[in-house]
């Protein structure tokens, strides 16, 4: 019960502080976030991290295939073959959204 009260109190304090900051501060934060997302250094870092993630997924797929082999469900086996086959990021849709 004590944890719930602390949680509810935290929500109340956050709401009050957020309401005091108002729409203007929200717009300032939103603009800063947009500028950060458009920064070339940030974009390069994100792309590098995505590439490293794809490489790690490929290595993991290889390790899983070696250990488990034919015991995988067909859908998983197809995905592993796609990753091992070196499909490009556009053809592969793991971890991507269209939003």
C-alpha atoms as a PDB file:
ATOM      1  CA  UNK A   1       0.000   0.000   0.000  1.00  0.00           C
ATOM      2  CA  UNK A   2       2.849   2.361   0.803  1.00  0.00           C
ATOM      3  CA  UNK A   3       4.352   1.937  -2.657  1.00  0.00           C
ATOM      4  CA  UNK A   4       1.030   2.783  -4.276  1.00  0.00           C
ATOM      5  CA  UNK A   5       0.764   5.980  -2.285  1.00  0.00           C
ATOM      6  CA  UNK A   6       4.291   6.982  -3.282  1.00  0.00           C
ATOM      7  CA  UNK A   7       3.501   6.173  -6.919  1.00  0.00           C
ATOM      8  CA  UNK A   8       0.284   8.214  -6.878  1.00  0.00           C
ATOM      9  CA  UNK A   9       2.079  11.089  -5.146  1.00  0.00           C
ATOM     10  CA  UNK A  10       4.773  10.984  -7.831  1.00  0.00           C
ATOM     11  CA  UNK A  11       2.156  11.156 -10.566  1.00  0.00           C
ATOM     12  CA  UNK A  12       0.462  14.093  -8.843  1.00  0.00           C
ATOM     13  CA  UNK A  13       3.742  16.003  -8.463  1.00  0.00           C
ATOM     14  CA  UNK A  14       4.660  15.299 -12.084  1.00  0.00           C
ATOM     15  CA  UNK A  15       1.279  16.492 -13.272  1.00  0.00           C
ATOM     16  CA  UNK A  16       1.471  19.716 -11.284  1.00  0.00           C
ATOM     17  CA  UNK A  17       5.015  20.484 -12.424  1.00  0.00           C
ATOM     18  CA  UNK A  18       4.123  19.624 -16.008  1.00  0.00           C
ATOM     19  CA  UNK A  19       1.060  21.828 -15.918  1.00  0.00           C
ATOM     20  CA  UNK A  20       3.115  24.723 -14.602  1.00  0.00           C
ATOM     21  CA  UNK A  21       5.654  24.337 -17.378  1.00  0.00           C
ATOM     22  CA  UNK A  22       2.838  24.676 -19.873  1.00  0.00           C
ATOM     23  CA  UNK A  23       2.563  24.373 -23.599  1.00  0.00           C
ATOM     24  CA  UNK A  24       5.390  26.796 -24.348  1.00  0.00           C
ATOM     25  CA  UNK A  25       7.972  24.636 -22.572  1.00  0.00           C
ATOM     26  CA  UNK A  26       6.564  21.553 -24.282  1.00  0.00           C
ATOM     27  CA  UNK A  27       7.045  23.200 -27.673  1.00  0.00           C
ATOM     28  CA  UNK A  28      10.615  24.181 -26.738  1.00  0.00           C
ATOM     29  CA  UNK A  29      11.440  20.590 -25.755  1.00  0.00           C
ATOM     30  CA  UNK A  30       9.828  19.264 -28.913  1.00  0.00           C
ATOM     31  CA  UNK A  31      11.864  21.625 -31.090  1.00  0.00           C
ATOM     32  CA  UNK A  32      15.102  20.654 -29.321  1.00  0.00           C
ATOM     33  CA  UNK A  33      14.285  16.966 -29.830  1.00  0.00           C
ATOM     34  CA  UNK A  34      13.641  17.590 -33.539  1.00  0.00           C
ATOM     35  CA  UNK A  35      16.950  19.451 -33.891  1.00  0.00           C
ATOM     36  CA  UNK A  36      18.756  16.627 -32.125  1.00  0.00           C
ATOM     37  CA  UNK A  37      17.184  14.033 -34.403  1.00  0.00           C
ATOM     38  CA  UNK A  38      18.251  16.003 -37.488  1.00  0.00           C
ATOM     39  CA  UNK A  39      21.836  16.464 -36.308  1.00  0.00           C
ATOM     40  CA  UNK A  40      24.190  14.648 -38.744  1.00  0.00           C
ATOM     41  CA  UNK A  41      26.404  13.332 -35.930  1.00  0.00           C
ATOM     42  CA  UNK A  42      23.392  11.828 -34.170  1.00  0.00           C
ATOM     43  CA  UNK A  43      22.061  10.345 -37.384  1.00  0.00           C
ATOM     44  CA  UNK A  44      25.459   8.782 -38.170  1.00  0.00           C
ATOM     45  CA  UNK A  45      25.641   7.313 -34.675  1.00  0.00           C
ATOM     46  CA  UNK A  46      22.137   5.875 -34.982  1.00  0.00           C
ATOM     47  CA  UNK A  47      22.928   4.344 -38.362  1.00  0.00           C
ATOM     48  CA  UNK A  48      26.172   2.895 -37.016  1.00  0.00           C
ATOM     49  CA  UNK A  49      24.313   1.371 -34.066  1.00  0.00           C
ATOM     50  CA  UNK A  50      21.709  -0.086 -36.423  1.00  0.00           C
ATOM     51  CA  UNK A  51      24.433  -1.609 -38.608  1.00  0.00           C
ATOM     52  CA  UNK A  52      26.148  -3.098 -35.554  1.00  0.00           C
ATOM     53  CA  UNK A  53      22.807  -4.504 -34.434  1.00  0.00           C
ATOM     54  CA  UNK A  54      22.242  -6.145 -37.812  1.00  0.00           C
ATOM     55  CA  UNK A  55      25.719  -7.682 -37.672  1.00  0.00           C
ATOM     56  CA  UNK A  56      25.112  -8.980 -34.148  1.00  0.00           C
ATOM     57  CA  UNK A  57      21.770 -10.440 -35.252  1.00  0.00           C
ATOM     58  CA  UNK A  58      23.495 -12.193 -38.128  1.00  0.00           C
ATOM     59  CA  UNK A  59      26.118 -13.687 -35.808  1.00  0.00           C
ATOM     60  CA  UNK A  60      23.416 -14.769 -33.358  1.00  0.00           C
ATOM     61  CA  UNK A  61      21.400 -16.337 -36.175  1.00  0.00           C
ATOM     62  CA  UNK A  62      24.443 -18.326 -37.230  1.00  0.00           C
ATOM     63  CA  UNK A  63      25.065 -19.520 -33.659  1.00  0.00           C
ATOM     64  CA  UNK A  64      21.409 -20.523 -33.184  1.00  0.00           C
ATOM     65  CA  UNK A  65      21.349 -22.401 -36.471  1.00  0.00           C
ATOM     66  CA  UNK A  66      24.488 -24.334 -35.539  1.00  0.00           C
ATOM     67  CA  UNK A  67      23.139 -25.331 -32.128  1.00  0.00           C
ATOM     68  CA  UNK A  68      19.456 -25.921 -32.809  1.00  0.00           C
ATOM     69  CA  UNK A  69      19.390 -26.730 -36.505  1.00  0.00           C
ATOM     70  CA  UNK A  70      16.276 -28.532 -37.732  1.00  0.00           C
ATOM     71  CA  UNK A  71      14.383 -28.295 -34.439  1.00  0.00           C
ATOM     72  CA  UNK A  72      13.309 -24.709 -35.101  1.00  0.00           C
ATOM     73  CA  UNK A  73       9.755 -23.874 -36.164  1.00  0.00           C
ATOM     74  CA  UNK A  74       9.538 -23.243 -39.932  1.00  0.00           C
ATOM     75  CA  UNK A  75       8.838 -19.512 -39.561  1.00  0.00           C
ATOM     76  CA  UNK A  76      11.910 -18.981 -37.391  1.00  0.00           C
ATOM     77  CA  UNK A  77      14.030 -21.061 -39.750  1.00  0.00           C
ATOM     78  CA  UNK A  78      12.953 -18.896 -42.683  1.00  0.00           C
ATOM     79  CA  UNK A  79      13.912 -15.722 -40.802  1.00  0.00           C
ATOM     80  CA  UNK A  80      17.295 -17.149 -39.873  1.00  0.00           C
ATOM     81  CA  UNK A  81      17.967 -18.083 -43.489  1.00  0.00           C
ATOM     82  CA  UNK A  82      17.056 -14.537 -44.536  1.00  0.00           C
ATOM     83  CA  UNK A  83      19.466 -13.048 -42.002  1.00  0.00           C
ATOM     84  CA  UNK A  84      22.272 -15.436 -42.921  1.00  0.00           C
ATOM     85  CA  UNK A  85      21.611 -14.857 -46.615  1.00  0.00           C
ATOM     86  CA  UNK A  86      22.650 -11.224 -46.254  1.00  0.00           C
ATOM     87  CA  UNK A  87      19.419  -9.520 -47.226  1.00  0.00           C
ATOM     88  CA  UNK A  88      19.599  -5.774 -47.195  1.00  0.00           C
ATOM     89  CA  UNK A  89      17.911  -3.645 -44.542  1.00  0.00           C
ATOM     90  CA  UNK A  90      15.182  -2.698 -47.017  1.00  0.00           C
ATOM     91  CA  UNK A  91      14.308  -6.320 -47.701  1.00  0.00           C
ATOM     92  CA  UNK A  92      14.494  -7.381 -44.062  1.00  0.00           C
ATOM     93  CA  UNK A  93      11.878  -5.955 -41.713  1.00  0.00           C
ATOM     94  CA  UNK A  94      13.072  -7.098 -38.294  1.00  0.00           C
ATOM     95  CA  UNK A  95      12.822  -4.263 -35.802  1.00  0.00           C
ATOM     96  CA  UNK A  96      11.525  -1.716 -38.253  1.00  0.00           C
ATOM     97  CA  UNK A  97       8.269   0.180 -38.313  1.00  0.00           C
ATOM     98  CA  UNK A  98       6.565   2.360 -40.831  1.00  0.00           C
ATOM     99  CA  UNK A  99       5.660   5.069 -38.358  1.00  0.00           C
END
